[in-house]
Amino acid sequence: MLAGTHGEPHIGLVILAAAGGAFCGDLVSYRIGVRAGAGVLRRLQGKSRGLAAYEWARRTLRRRGGQVLVFARYLPGGRSASALAAGVVGYPAARFQAWTAVGVSVWASMAGLIGYTCGIYFDGRPWKALLAAYAGAGLLLVTAEVVRRCSAAADEQVDPGADGGDGRGQGGLFEHDHGAGRADLADHSELEPGGA
């Protein structure tokens, strides 16, 4: 907001500082999760609900880790929780860093530009600029929560498959099973790419 009102600090530096700080914070949460991972798994042995939650987190991050790491930061507490969970379940570090870099870049640019635009538009009236910036951020949080709830409702409506499976990966709003059908192709080499 001050960058828009006074031209200082430069908006590019504001965005860079915000992205850098968020990236370092996520990395710390991830490393704490990595260190705690083995201990968490040991403590969950014999506790079916705990193991089920662990498996759900591992499966979700494996299937759609990029979406989780980019968009969880718009939910209250989501940024820290997703980074910590990624470390606990052993999500690959290089992939975590890449998706986190995307997420913090988008988040910092959006937040910085909202404040910057408000600073220009409400020049000399900082209280109005702050009010507009907080209203915009609140609207984004509400939108993210609505999308999350709609996705959860869609996941819950998936019926178990005829083979007695749990139905996961067959109807979730953001889920897709990339491995489906590979076993069938293995038995029919003529159907594989490059096959006769």
N, C-alpha and C. Protein backbone atom coordinates (compact mmCIF):
# COMPACT_ATOMS: atom_id res chain seq x y z
N MET A 1 0.83 -1.19 0.00
CA MET A 1 0.00 0.00 0.00
C MET A 1 0.87 1.25 0.00
N LEU A 2 1.92 1.24 0.81
CA LEU A 2 2.85 2.38 0.85
C LEU A 2 3.58 2.53 -0.47
N ALA A 3 3.89 1.42 -1.14
CA ALA A 3 4.55 1.49 -2.44
C ALA A 3 3.65 2.19 -3.45
N GLY A 4 2.35 1.94 -3.38
CA GLY A 4 1.42 2.60 -4.28
C GLY A 4 1.19 4.05 -3.94
N THR A 5 1.20 4.37 -2.64
CA THR A 5 0.94 5.74 -2.21
C THR A 5 2.16 6.64 -2.40
N HIS A 6 3.34 6.15 -1.99
CA HIS A 6 4.55 6.98 -1.98
C HIS A 6 5.61 6.55 -3.00
N GLY A 7 5.42 5.41 -3.64
CA GLY A 7 6.43 4.93 -4.59
C GLY A 7 7.59 4.23 -3.93
N GLU A 8 7.59 4.14 -2.62
CA GLU A 8 8.64 3.45 -1.87
C GLU A 8 7.99 2.61 -0.78
N PRO A 9 8.51 1.44 -0.51
CA PRO A 9 9.53 0.70 -1.26
C PRO A 9 8.99 0.26 -2.62
N HIS A 10 9.90 -0.11 -3.52
CA HIS A 10 9.49 -0.53 -4.86
C HIS A 10 8.64 -1.79 -4.75
N ILE A 11 7.54 -1.85 -5.51
CA ILE A 11 6.60 -2.97 -5.40
C ILE A 11 7.27 -4.32 -5.71
N GLY A 12 8.24 -4.31 -6.63
CA GLY A 12 8.96 -5.55 -6.94
C GLY A 12 9.70 -6.09 -5.73
N LEU A 13 10.30 -5.20 -4.95
CA LEU A 13 11.01 -5.62 -3.74
C LEU A 13 10.05 -6.12 -2.67
N VAL A 14 8.88 -5.48 -2.59
CA VAL A 14 7.87 -5.93 -1.62
C VAL A 14 7.44 -7.36 -1.94
N ILE A 15 7.16 -7.63 -3.22
CA ILE A 15 6.72 -8.96 -3.65
C ILE A 15 7.83 -9.98 -3.42
N LEU A 16 9.06 -9.59 -3.76
CA LEU A 16 10.20 -10.50 -3.58
C LEU A 16 10.41 -10.85 -2.10
N ALA A 17 10.31 -9.84 -1.23
CA ALA A 17 10.49 -10.08 0.21
C ALA A 17 9.38 -10.98 0.76
N ALA A 18 8.14 -10.73 0.33
CA ALA A 18 7.02 -11.55 0.80
C ALA A 18 7.16 -13.00 0.33
N ALA A 19 7.52 -13.18 -0.95
CA ALA A 19 7.69 -14.54 -1.48
C ALA A 19 8.84 -15.25 -0.80
N GLY A 20 9.96 -14.55 -0.60
CA GLY A 20 11.12 -15.16 0.05
C GLY A 20 10.83 -15.57 1.48
N GLY A 21 10.14 -14.70 2.22
CA GLY A 21 9.79 -15.02 3.60
C GLY A 21 8.85 -16.21 3.70
N ALA A 22 7.84 -16.24 2.81
CA ALA A 22 6.89 -17.36 2.82
C ALA A 22 7.58 -18.66 2.42
N PHE A 23 8.49 -18.60 1.44
CA PHE A 23 9.20 -19.81 1.00
C PHE A 23 10.05 -20.37 2.13
N CYS A 24 10.78 -19.49 2.82
CA CYS A 24 11.62 -19.95 3.95
C CYS A 24 10.77 -20.55 5.07
N GLY A 25 9.64 -19.92 5.36
CA GLY A 25 8.74 -20.45 6.39
C GLY A 25 8.20 -21.82 6.04
N ASP A 26 7.82 -22.00 4.76
CA ASP A 26 7.33 -23.30 4.32
C ASP A 26 8.42 -24.37 4.39
N LEU A 27 9.63 -23.97 4.04
CA LEU A 27 10.76 -24.91 4.08
C LEU A 27 11.04 -25.37 5.51
N VAL A 28 10.95 -24.44 6.46
CA VAL A 28 11.15 -24.79 7.87
C VAL A 28 10.07 -25.79 8.31
N SER A 29 8.81 -25.52 7.96
CA SER A 29 7.72 -26.45 8.33
C SER A 29 7.94 -27.82 7.70
N TYR A 30 8.36 -27.84 6.44
CA TYR A 30 8.61 -29.10 5.75
C TYR A 30 9.72 -29.89 6.45
N ARG A 31 10.82 -29.22 6.79
CA ARG A 31 11.96 -29.89 7.45
C ARG A 31 11.55 -30.42 8.83
N ILE A 32 10.72 -29.69 9.56
CA ILE A 32 10.22 -30.19 10.85
C ILE A 32 9.41 -31.46 10.62
N GLY A 33 8.58 -31.46 9.57
CA GLY A 33 7.79 -32.65 9.24
C GLY A 33 8.66 -33.83 8.87
N VAL A 34 9.74 -33.60 8.10
CA VAL A 34 10.65 -34.67 7.71
C VAL A 34 11.27 -35.29 8.96
N ARG A 35 11.73 -34.46 9.89
CA ARG A 35 12.37 -34.97 11.11
C ARG A 35 11.39 -35.72 11.99
N ALA A 36 10.14 -35.28 11.98
CA ALA A 36 9.13 -35.91 12.84
C ALA A 36 8.48 -37.12 12.19
N GLY A 37 8.66 -37.29 10.88
CA GLY A 37 7.93 -38.31 10.13
C GLY A 37 8.03 -39.71 10.68
N ALA A 38 9.24 -40.21 10.91
CA ALA A 38 9.41 -41.58 11.41
C ALA A 38 8.77 -41.75 12.78
N GLY A 39 8.93 -40.76 13.65
CA GLY A 39 8.33 -40.83 14.98
C GLY A 39 6.82 -40.83 14.93
N VAL A 40 6.26 -40.01 14.02
CA VAL A 40 4.81 -39.97 13.87
C VAL A 40 4.29 -41.33 13.43
N LEU A 41 4.96 -41.93 12.46
CA LEU A 41 4.54 -43.24 11.96
C LEU A 41 4.62 -44.31 13.05
N ARG A 42 5.69 -44.26 13.87
CA ARG A 42 5.82 -45.22 14.98
C ARG A 42 4.66 -45.07 15.97
N ARG A 43 4.32 -43.82 16.28
CA ARG A 43 3.25 -43.58 17.24
C ARG A 43 1.88 -43.99 16.71
N LEU A 44 1.73 -44.00 15.39
CA LEU A 44 0.44 -44.34 14.81
C LEU A 44 0.23 -45.84 14.65
N GLN A 45 1.28 -46.63 14.82
CA GLN A 45 1.15 -48.09 14.68
C GLN A 45 0.09 -48.60 15.65
N GLY A 46 -0.85 -49.37 15.12
CA GLY A 46 -1.92 -49.91 15.95
C GLY A 46 -3.11 -48.99 16.14
N LYS A 47 -3.03 -47.76 15.62
CA LYS A 47 -4.14 -46.81 15.73
C LYS A 47 -4.73 -46.62 14.34
N SER A 48 -5.83 -47.30 14.09
CA SER A 48 -6.38 -47.33 12.73
C SER A 48 -6.79 -45.96 12.22
N ARG A 49 -7.39 -45.12 13.08
CA ARG A 49 -7.81 -43.78 12.62
C ARG A 49 -6.60 -42.94 12.28
N GLY A 50 -5.56 -43.02 13.09
CA GLY A 50 -4.35 -42.25 12.83
C GLY A 50 -3.66 -42.69 11.56
N LEU A 51 -3.57 -44.02 11.36
CA LEU A 51 -2.96 -44.54 10.14
C LEU A 51 -3.78 -44.18 8.91
N ALA A 52 -5.10 -44.18 9.06
CA ALA A 52 -5.97 -43.81 7.94
C ALA A 52 -5.75 -42.36 7.54
N ALA A 53 -5.61 -41.48 8.54
CA ALA A 53 -5.35 -40.06 8.26
C ALA A 53 -3.99 -39.88 7.59
N TYR A 54 -3.00 -40.63 8.08
CA TYR A 54 -1.66 -40.57 7.49
C TYR A 54 -1.70 -41.01 6.03
N GLU A 55 -2.38 -42.12 5.78
CA GLU A 55 -2.48 -42.64 4.41
C GLU A 55 -3.24 -41.69 3.51
N TRP A 56 -4.29 -41.06 4.05
CA TRP A 56 -5.06 -40.09 3.26
C TRP A 56 -4.17 -38.92 2.86
N ALA A 57 -3.39 -38.40 3.82
CA ALA A 57 -2.49 -37.27 3.53
C ALA A 57 -1.44 -37.68 2.50
N ARG A 58 -0.88 -38.86 2.66
CA ARG A 58 0.15 -39.33 1.73
C ARG A 58 -0.42 -39.50 0.33
N ARG A 59 -1.60 -40.11 0.25
CA ARG A 59 -2.24 -40.35 -1.04
C ARG A 59 -2.64 -39.03 -1.72
N THR A 60 -3.19 -38.10 -0.93
CA THR A 60 -3.62 -36.82 -1.48
C THR A 60 -2.44 -36.03 -2.02
N LEU A 61 -1.34 -36.00 -1.26
CA LEU A 61 -0.16 -35.26 -1.73
C LEU A 61 0.48 -35.94 -2.94
N ARG A 62 0.43 -37.27 -2.98
CA ARG A 62 1.00 -37.97 -4.13
C ARG A 62 0.20 -37.67 -5.39
N ARG A 63 -1.13 -37.64 -5.27
CA ARG A 63 -1.98 -37.46 -6.45
C ARG A 63 -2.10 -36.01 -6.88
N ARG A 64 -2.20 -35.09 -5.91
CA ARG A 64 -2.41 -33.69 -6.27
C ARG A 64 -1.65 -32.74 -5.36
N GLY A 65 -0.39 -33.10 -5.12
CA GLY A 65 0.45 -32.30 -4.23
C GLY A 65 0.62 -30.87 -4.70
N GLY A 66 0.75 -30.67 -6.01
CA GLY A 66 0.92 -29.32 -6.54
C GLY A 66 -0.26 -28.43 -6.19
N GLN A 67 -1.48 -28.93 -6.38
CA GLN A 67 -2.67 -28.15 -6.06
C GLN A 67 -2.73 -27.84 -4.57
N VAL A 68 -2.42 -28.83 -3.76
CA VAL A 68 -2.48 -28.63 -2.31
C VAL A 68 -1.48 -27.57 -1.88
N LEU A 69 -0.24 -27.68 -2.35
CA LEU A 69 0.81 -26.77 -1.91
C LEU A 69 0.62 -25.35 -2.45
N VAL A 70 -0.01 -25.21 -3.60
CA VAL A 70 -0.25 -23.87 -4.15
C VAL A 70 -1.45 -23.22 -3.49
N PHE A 71 -2.56 -23.96 -3.34
CA PHE A 71 -3.82 -23.33 -2.92
C PHE A 71 -4.10 -23.41 -1.42
N ALA A 72 -3.43 -24.30 -0.69
CA ALA A 72 -3.70 -24.41 0.76
C ALA A 72 -3.33 -23.13 1.49
N ARG A 73 -2.41 -22.36 0.94
CA ARG A 73 -1.98 -21.13 1.62
C ARG A 73 -3.08 -20.08 1.70
N TYR A 74 -4.15 -20.26 0.95
CA TYR A 74 -5.26 -19.30 1.00
C TYR A 74 -6.28 -19.65 2.07
N LEU A 75 -6.08 -20.79 2.74
CA LEU A 75 -6.96 -21.18 3.84
C LEU A 75 -6.25 -20.91 5.17
N PRO A 76 -7.00 -20.49 6.19
CA PRO A 76 -6.36 -20.22 7.48
C PRO A 76 -5.62 -21.45 8.01
N GLY A 77 -4.32 -21.31 8.22
CA GLY A 77 -3.49 -22.40 8.73
C GLY A 77 -3.10 -23.42 7.68
N GLY A 78 -3.61 -23.27 6.47
CA GLY A 78 -3.37 -24.26 5.43
C GLY A 78 -1.93 -24.34 4.96
N ARG A 79 -1.25 -23.20 4.92
CA ARG A 79 0.13 -23.17 4.43
C ARG A 79 1.04 -24.00 5.33
N SER A 80 0.98 -23.76 6.62
CA SER A 80 1.84 -24.50 7.56
C SER A 80 1.46 -25.97 7.62
N ALA A 81 0.16 -26.24 7.66
CA ALA A 81 -0.31 -27.64 7.77
C ALA A 81 0.10 -28.46 6.55
N SER A 82 -0.03 -27.89 5.35
CA SER A 82 0.31 -28.66 4.15
C SER A 82 1.81 -28.89 4.05
N ALA A 83 2.61 -27.89 4.42
CA ALA A 83 4.07 -28.06 4.38
C ALA A 83 4.52 -29.10 5.40
N LEU A 84 3.97 -29.04 6.59
CA LEU A 84 4.31 -30.00 7.65
C LEU A 84 3.91 -31.42 7.24
N ALA A 85 2.69 -31.56 6.71
CA ALA A 85 2.21 -32.87 6.27
C ALA A 85 3.08 -33.43 5.15
N ALA A 86 3.50 -32.56 4.22
CA ALA A 86 4.37 -33.01 3.12
C ALA A 86 5.66 -33.59 3.66
N GLY A 87 6.22 -32.96 4.69
CA GLY A 87 7.44 -33.49 5.29
C GLY A 87 7.21 -34.80 6.01
N VAL A 88 6.12 -34.88 6.75
CA VAL A 88 5.82 -36.08 7.54
C VAL A 88 5.65 -37.31 6.64
N VAL A 89 4.94 -37.15 5.52
CA VAL A 89 4.66 -38.30 4.66
C VAL A 89 5.75 -38.55 3.62
N GLY A 90 6.81 -37.75 3.64
CA GLY A 90 7.94 -37.98 2.73
C GLY A 90 7.72 -37.52 1.31
N TYR A 91 6.96 -36.43 1.12
CA TYR A 91 6.78 -35.86 -0.22
C TYR A 91 8.16 -35.43 -0.72
N PRO A 92 8.51 -35.71 -1.98
CA PRO A 92 9.86 -35.41 -2.48
C PRO A 92 10.24 -33.94 -2.31
N ALA A 93 11.43 -33.69 -1.78
CA ALA A 93 11.88 -32.33 -1.46
C ALA A 93 11.94 -31.44 -2.69
N ALA A 94 12.46 -31.94 -3.80
CA ALA A 94 12.58 -31.11 -5.01
C ALA A 94 11.21 -30.69 -5.51
N ARG A 95 10.26 -31.62 -5.50
CA ARG A 95 8.91 -31.29 -5.94
C ARG A 95 8.24 -30.31 -4.97
N PHE A 96 8.48 -30.52 -3.67
CA PHE A 96 7.93 -29.60 -2.67
C PHE A 96 8.45 -28.19 -2.92
N GLN A 97 9.74 -28.05 -3.13
CA GLN A 97 10.32 -26.73 -3.34
C GLN A 97 9.81 -26.08 -4.61
N ALA A 98 9.65 -26.86 -5.68
CA ALA A 98 9.17 -26.30 -6.94
C ALA A 98 7.73 -25.79 -6.80
N TRP A 99 6.85 -26.62 -6.23
CA TRP A 99 5.45 -26.20 -6.08
C TRP A 99 5.31 -25.06 -5.08
N THR A 100 6.13 -25.09 -4.04
CA THR A 100 6.08 -24.00 -3.07
C THR A 100 6.53 -22.70 -3.70
N ALA A 101 7.55 -22.76 -4.56
CA ALA A 101 8.02 -21.55 -5.26
C ALA A 101 6.91 -20.97 -6.13
N VAL A 102 6.16 -21.85 -6.80
CA VAL A 102 5.02 -21.38 -7.61
C VAL A 102 3.98 -20.73 -6.70
N GLY A 103 3.64 -21.43 -5.61
CA GLY A 103 2.61 -20.93 -4.70
C GLY A 103 2.96 -19.59 -4.08
N VAL A 104 4.19 -19.45 -3.57
CA VAL A 104 4.55 -18.18 -2.91
C VAL A 104 4.66 -17.06 -3.93
N SER A 105 5.05 -17.36 -5.15
CA SER A 105 5.14 -16.32 -6.19
C SER A 105 3.75 -15.78 -6.53
N VAL A 106 2.80 -16.70 -6.71
CA VAL A 106 1.43 -16.28 -7.01
C VAL A 106 0.84 -15.50 -5.84
N TRP A 107 1.00 -16.07 -4.63
CA TRP A 107 0.43 -15.42 -3.44
C TRP A 107 1.03 -14.04 -3.20
N ALA A 108 2.36 -13.92 -3.25
CA ALA A 108 3.02 -12.64 -2.99
C ALA A 108 2.67 -11.61 -4.05
N SER A 109 2.61 -12.03 -5.30
CA SER A 109 2.25 -11.10 -6.38
C SER A 109 0.82 -10.60 -6.19
N MET A 110 -0.09 -11.53 -5.90
CA MET A 110 -1.49 -11.14 -5.72
C MET A 110 -1.65 -10.20 -4.53
N ALA A 111 -1.08 -10.58 -3.39
CA ALA A 111 -1.22 -9.75 -2.19
C ALA A 111 -0.54 -8.39 -2.37
N GLY A 112 0.66 -8.42 -2.96
CA GLY A 112 1.38 -7.16 -3.17
C GLY A 112 0.65 -6.22 -4.12
N LEU A 113 0.10 -6.79 -5.19
CA LEU A 113 -0.58 -5.94 -6.18
C LEU A 113 -1.94 -5.43 -5.68
N ILE A 114 -2.60 -6.23 -4.81
CA ILE A 114 -3.83 -5.72 -4.19
C ILE A 114 -3.51 -4.48 -3.36
N GLY A 115 -2.49 -4.59 -2.51
CA GLY A 115 -2.10 -3.45 -1.68
C GLY A 115 -1.62 -2.27 -2.50
N TYR A 116 -0.83 -2.55 -3.53
CA TYR A 116 -0.29 -1.50 -4.40
C TYR A 116 -1.41 -0.75 -5.11
N THR A 117 -2.36 -1.49 -5.67
CA THR A 117 -3.49 -0.87 -6.37
C THR A 117 -4.34 -0.04 -5.42
N CYS A 118 -4.56 -0.58 -4.22
CA CYS A 118 -5.32 0.19 -3.23
C CYS A 118 -4.59 1.46 -2.84
N GLY A 119 -3.25 1.39 -2.73
CA GLY A 119 -2.46 2.58 -2.39
C GLY A 119 -2.58 3.66 -3.45
N ILE A 120 -2.61 3.26 -4.72
CA ILE A 120 -2.75 4.23 -5.82
C ILE A 120 -4.18 4.79 -5.84
N TYR A 121 -5.15 3.90 -5.76
CA TYR A 121 -6.54 4.31 -5.91
C TYR A 121 -7.02 5.17 -4.73
N PHE A 122 -6.59 4.82 -3.52
CA PHE A 122 -7.04 5.55 -2.33
C PHE A 122 -5.95 6.48 -1.82
N ASP A 123 -5.22 7.11 -2.70
CA ASP A 123 -4.11 7.99 -2.34
C ASP A 123 -4.54 9.00 -1.27
N GLY A 124 -3.80 9.03 -0.16
CA GLY A 124 -4.10 9.97 0.91
C GLY A 124 -5.15 9.48 1.89
N ARG A 125 -5.76 8.33 1.63
CA ARG A 125 -6.77 7.77 2.54
C ARG A 125 -6.40 6.33 2.87
N PRO A 126 -5.33 6.14 3.65
CA PRO A 126 -4.84 4.79 3.91
C PRO A 126 -5.85 3.87 4.59
N TRP A 127 -6.74 4.42 5.41
CA TRP A 127 -7.71 3.55 6.08
C TRP A 127 -8.66 2.90 5.07
N LYS A 128 -9.01 3.63 3.99
CA LYS A 128 -9.86 3.04 2.95
C LYS A 128 -9.09 1.97 2.17
N ALA A 129 -7.80 2.25 1.93
CA ALA A 129 -6.98 1.27 1.22
C ALA A 129 -6.86 -0.02 2.02
N LEU A 130 -6.62 0.11 3.33
CA LEU A 130 -6.53 -1.08 4.18
C LEU A 130 -7.84 -1.84 4.21
N LEU A 131 -8.94 -1.11 4.31
CA LEU A 131 -10.26 -1.75 4.34
C LEU A 131 -10.51 -2.53 3.05
N ALA A 132 -10.18 -1.92 1.91
CA ALA A 132 -10.39 -2.60 0.63
C ALA A 132 -9.47 -3.82 0.49
N ALA A 133 -8.22 -3.68 0.95
CA ALA A 133 -7.28 -4.80 0.86
C ALA A 133 -7.74 -5.97 1.72
N TYR A 134 -8.18 -5.69 2.94
CA TYR A 134 -8.66 -6.76 3.81
C TYR A 134 -9.95 -7.38 3.27
N ALA A 135 -10.82 -6.57 2.69
CA ALA A 135 -12.05 -7.11 2.10
C ALA A 135 -11.71 -8.04 0.93
N GLY A 136 -10.75 -7.64 0.09
CA GLY A 136 -10.33 -8.49 -1.02
C GLY A 136 -9.73 -9.80 -0.55
N ALA A 137 -8.89 -9.73 0.48
CA ALA A 137 -8.28 -10.95 1.03
C ALA A 137 -9.35 -11.85 1.65
N GLY A 138 -10.32 -11.26 2.34
CA GLY A 138 -11.40 -12.03 2.94
C GLY A 138 -12.25 -12.72 1.88
N LEU A 139 -12.51 -12.02 0.79
CA LEU A 139 -13.28 -12.61 -0.31
C LEU A 139 -12.56 -13.80 -0.92
N LEU A 140 -11.24 -13.69 -1.06
CA LEU A 140 -10.45 -14.80 -1.59
C LEU A 140 -10.49 -16.00 -0.65
N LEU A 141 -10.43 -15.76 0.66
CA LEU A 141 -10.50 -16.85 1.63
C LEU A 141 -11.86 -17.56 1.56
N VAL A 142 -12.92 -16.77 1.47
CA VAL A 142 -14.26 -17.36 1.39
C VAL A 142 -14.39 -18.19 0.11
N THR A 143 -13.89 -17.67 -1.01
CA THR A 143 -13.94 -18.39 -2.28
C THR A 143 -13.18 -19.71 -2.19
N ALA A 144 -11.97 -19.67 -1.61
CA ALA A 144 -11.17 -20.88 -1.47
C ALA A 144 -11.88 -21.91 -0.59
N GLU A 145 -12.53 -21.46 0.48
CA GLU A 145 -13.24 -22.38 1.37
C GLU A 145 -14.45 -23.00 0.67
N VAL A 146 -15.16 -22.22 -0.14
CA VAL A 146 -16.31 -22.74 -0.88
C VAL A 146 -15.85 -23.82 -1.86
N VAL A 147 -14.74 -23.55 -2.57
CA VAL A 147 -14.20 -24.54 -3.52
C VAL A 147 -13.79 -25.81 -2.78
N ARG A 148 -13.15 -25.66 -1.60
CA ARG A 148 -12.73 -26.82 -0.82
C ARG A 148 -13.93 -27.65 -0.38
N ARG A 149 -14.98 -26.99 0.09
CA ARG A 149 -16.17 -27.72 0.55
C ARG A 149 -16.89 -28.41 -0.60
N CYS A 150 -16.94 -27.76 -1.75
CA CYS A 150 -17.58 -28.39 -2.92
C CYS A 150 -16.78 -29.62 -3.35
N SER A 151 -15.46 -29.53 -3.30
CA SER A 151 -14.61 -30.66 -3.65
C SER A 151 -14.81 -31.81 -2.67
N ALA A 152 -14.88 -31.49 -1.38
CA ALA A 152 -15.08 -32.51 -0.35
C ALA A 152 -16.44 -33.17 -0.52
N ALA A 153 -17.47 -32.37 -0.83
CA ALA A 153 -18.81 -32.94 -1.02
C ALA A 153 -18.84 -33.87 -2.24
N ALA A 154 -18.14 -33.49 -3.30
CA ALA A 154 -18.08 -34.34 -4.49
C ALA A 154 -17.36 -35.65 -4.18
N ASP A 155 -16.28 -35.58 -3.39
CA ASP A 155 -15.54 -36.78 -3.01
C ASP A 155 -16.40 -37.72 -2.18
N GLU A 156 -17.24 -37.17 -1.29
CA GLU A 156 -18.08 -38.00 -0.42
C GLU A 156 -19.20 -38.69 -1.18
N GLN A 157 -19.61 -38.13 -2.32
CA GLN A 157 -20.71 -38.70 -3.08
C GLN A 157 -20.29 -39.86 -3.97
N VAL A 158 -18.99 -40.14 -4.02
CA VAL A 158 -18.51 -41.23 -4.86
C VAL A 158 -18.89 -42.55 -4.23
N ASP A 159 -19.59 -43.40 -4.98
CA ASP A 159 -20.00 -44.72 -4.48
C ASP A 159 -18.86 -45.71 -4.65
N PRO A 160 -18.77 -46.70 -3.77
CA PRO A 160 -17.77 -47.74 -3.96
C PRO A 160 -17.97 -48.43 -5.29
N GLY A 161 -16.87 -48.82 -5.89
CA GLY A 161 -16.96 -49.50 -7.18
C GLY A 161 -17.53 -50.89 -7.03
N ALA A 162 -17.86 -51.49 -8.16
CA ALA A 162 -18.45 -52.82 -8.15
C ALA A 162 -17.49 -53.87 -7.61
N ASP A 163 -16.18 -53.58 -7.72
CA ASP A 163 -15.18 -54.54 -7.24
C ASP A 163 -14.94 -54.42 -5.74
N GLY A 164 -15.75 -53.58 -5.05
CA GLY A 164 -15.60 -53.42 -3.61
C GLY A 164 -14.56 -52.39 -3.22
N GLY A 165 -14.04 -51.64 -4.18
CA GLY A 165 -13.06 -50.60 -3.87
C GLY A 165 -13.72 -49.46 -3.13
N ASP A 166 -12.90 -48.49 -2.72
CA ASP A 166 -13.45 -47.38 -1.95
C ASP A 166 -13.97 -46.26 -2.83
N GLY A 167 -13.81 -46.38 -4.13
CA GLY A 167 -14.34 -45.37 -5.03
C GLY A 167 -13.46 -44.15 -5.15
N ARG A 168 -12.39 -44.05 -4.37
CA ARG A 168 -11.53 -42.87 -4.43
C ARG A 168 -10.85 -42.80 -5.79
N GLY A 169 -10.69 -41.58 -6.25
CA GLY A 169 -10.03 -41.38 -7.52
C GLY A 169 -10.97 -41.53 -8.70
N GLN A 170 -12.26 -41.79 -8.43
CA GLN A 170 -13.19 -42.00 -9.53
C GLN A 170 -14.20 -40.88 -9.66
N GLY A 171 -14.24 -39.95 -8.72
CA GLY A 171 -15.25 -38.91 -8.85
C GLY A 171 -14.90 -37.63 -8.13
N GLY A 172 -13.74 -37.56 -7.50
CA GLY A 172 -13.35 -36.35 -6.81
C GLY A 172 -13.17 -35.21 -7.79
N LEU A 173 -13.51 -34.01 -7.36
CA LEU A 173 -13.43 -32.85 -8.22
C LEU A 173 -12.03 -32.63 -8.76
N PHE A 174 -11.01 -32.90 -7.94
CA PHE A 174 -9.64 -32.66 -8.36
C PHE A 174 -8.84 -33.94 -8.51
N GLU A 175 -9.46 -35.11 -8.40
CA GLU A 175 -8.70 -36.35 -8.43
C GLU A 175 -8.73 -37.01 -9.78
N HIS A 176 -7.63 -37.66 -10.11
CA HIS A 176 -7.54 -38.44 -11.34
C HIS A 176 -6.51 -39.53 -11.11
N ASP A 177 -6.84 -40.77 -11.41
CA ASP A 177 -5.92 -41.87 -11.22
C ASP A 177 -5.15 -42.10 -12.50
N HIS A 178 -3.90 -41.58 -12.54
CA HIS A 178 -3.08 -41.69 -13.74
C HIS A 178 -2.62 -43.12 -14.01
N GLY A 179 -2.71 -43.99 -13.01
CA GLY A 179 -2.25 -45.35 -13.19
C GLY A 179 -3.35 -46.30 -13.67
N ALA A 180 -4.58 -45.79 -13.76
CA ALA A 180 -5.68 -46.67 -14.15
C ALA A 180 -5.47 -47.22 -15.54
N GLY A 181 -5.70 -48.49 -15.69
CA GLY A 181 -5.61 -49.11 -17.01
C GLY A 181 -4.24 -49.64 -17.37
N ARG A 182 -3.20 -49.30 -16.60
CA ARG A 182 -1.86 -49.77 -16.94
C ARG A 182 -1.74 -51.28 -16.84
N ALA A 183 -2.43 -51.86 -15.84
CA ALA A 183 -2.36 -53.31 -15.67
C ALA A 183 -2.98 -54.01 -16.88
N ASP A 184 -4.07 -53.44 -17.42
CA ASP A 184 -4.70 -54.03 -18.60
C ASP A 184 -3.77 -53.97 -19.81
N LEU A 185 -3.08 -52.83 -19.96
CA LEU A 185 -2.17 -52.68 -21.10
C LEU A 185 -0.99 -53.63 -21.01
N ALA A 186 -0.60 -53.96 -19.79
CA ALA A 186 0.55 -54.85 -19.63
C ALA A 186 0.28 -56.21 -20.24
N ASP A 187 -0.99 -56.66 -20.24
CA ASP A 187 -1.33 -57.95 -20.79
C ASP A 187 -1.54 -57.94 -22.29
N HIS A 188 -1.60 -56.72 -22.86
CA HIS A 188 -1.86 -56.58 -24.29
C HIS A 188 -0.82 -55.65 -24.90
N SER A 189 0.36 -56.16 -25.15
CA SER A 189 1.47 -55.33 -25.63
C SER A 189 1.15 -54.68 -26.96
N GLU A 190 0.24 -55.26 -27.72
CA GLU A 190 -0.06 -54.66 -29.03
C GLU A 190 -0.81 -53.34 -28.88
N LEU A 191 -1.38 -53.08 -27.68
CA LEU A 191 -2.08 -51.83 -27.43
C LEU A 191 -1.18 -50.74 -26.90
N GLU A 192 0.03 -51.08 -26.46
CA GLU A 192 0.95 -50.10 -25.93
C GLU A 192 1.50 -49.23 -27.04
N PRO A 193 1.88 -47.97 -26.72
CA PRO A 193 2.47 -47.11 -27.74
C PRO A 193 3.69 -47.79 -28.34
N GLY A 194 3.75 -47.82 -29.64
CA GLY A 194 4.88 -48.44 -30.33
C GLY A 194 4.72 -49.93 -30.50
N GLY A 195 3.61 -50.49 -29.99
CA GLY A 195 3.38 -51.92 -30.11
C GLY A 195 2.96 -52.30 -31.52
N ALA A 196 3.00 -53.59 -31.83
CA ALA A 196 2.67 -54.03 -33.19
C ALA A 196 1.18 -53.95 -33.42
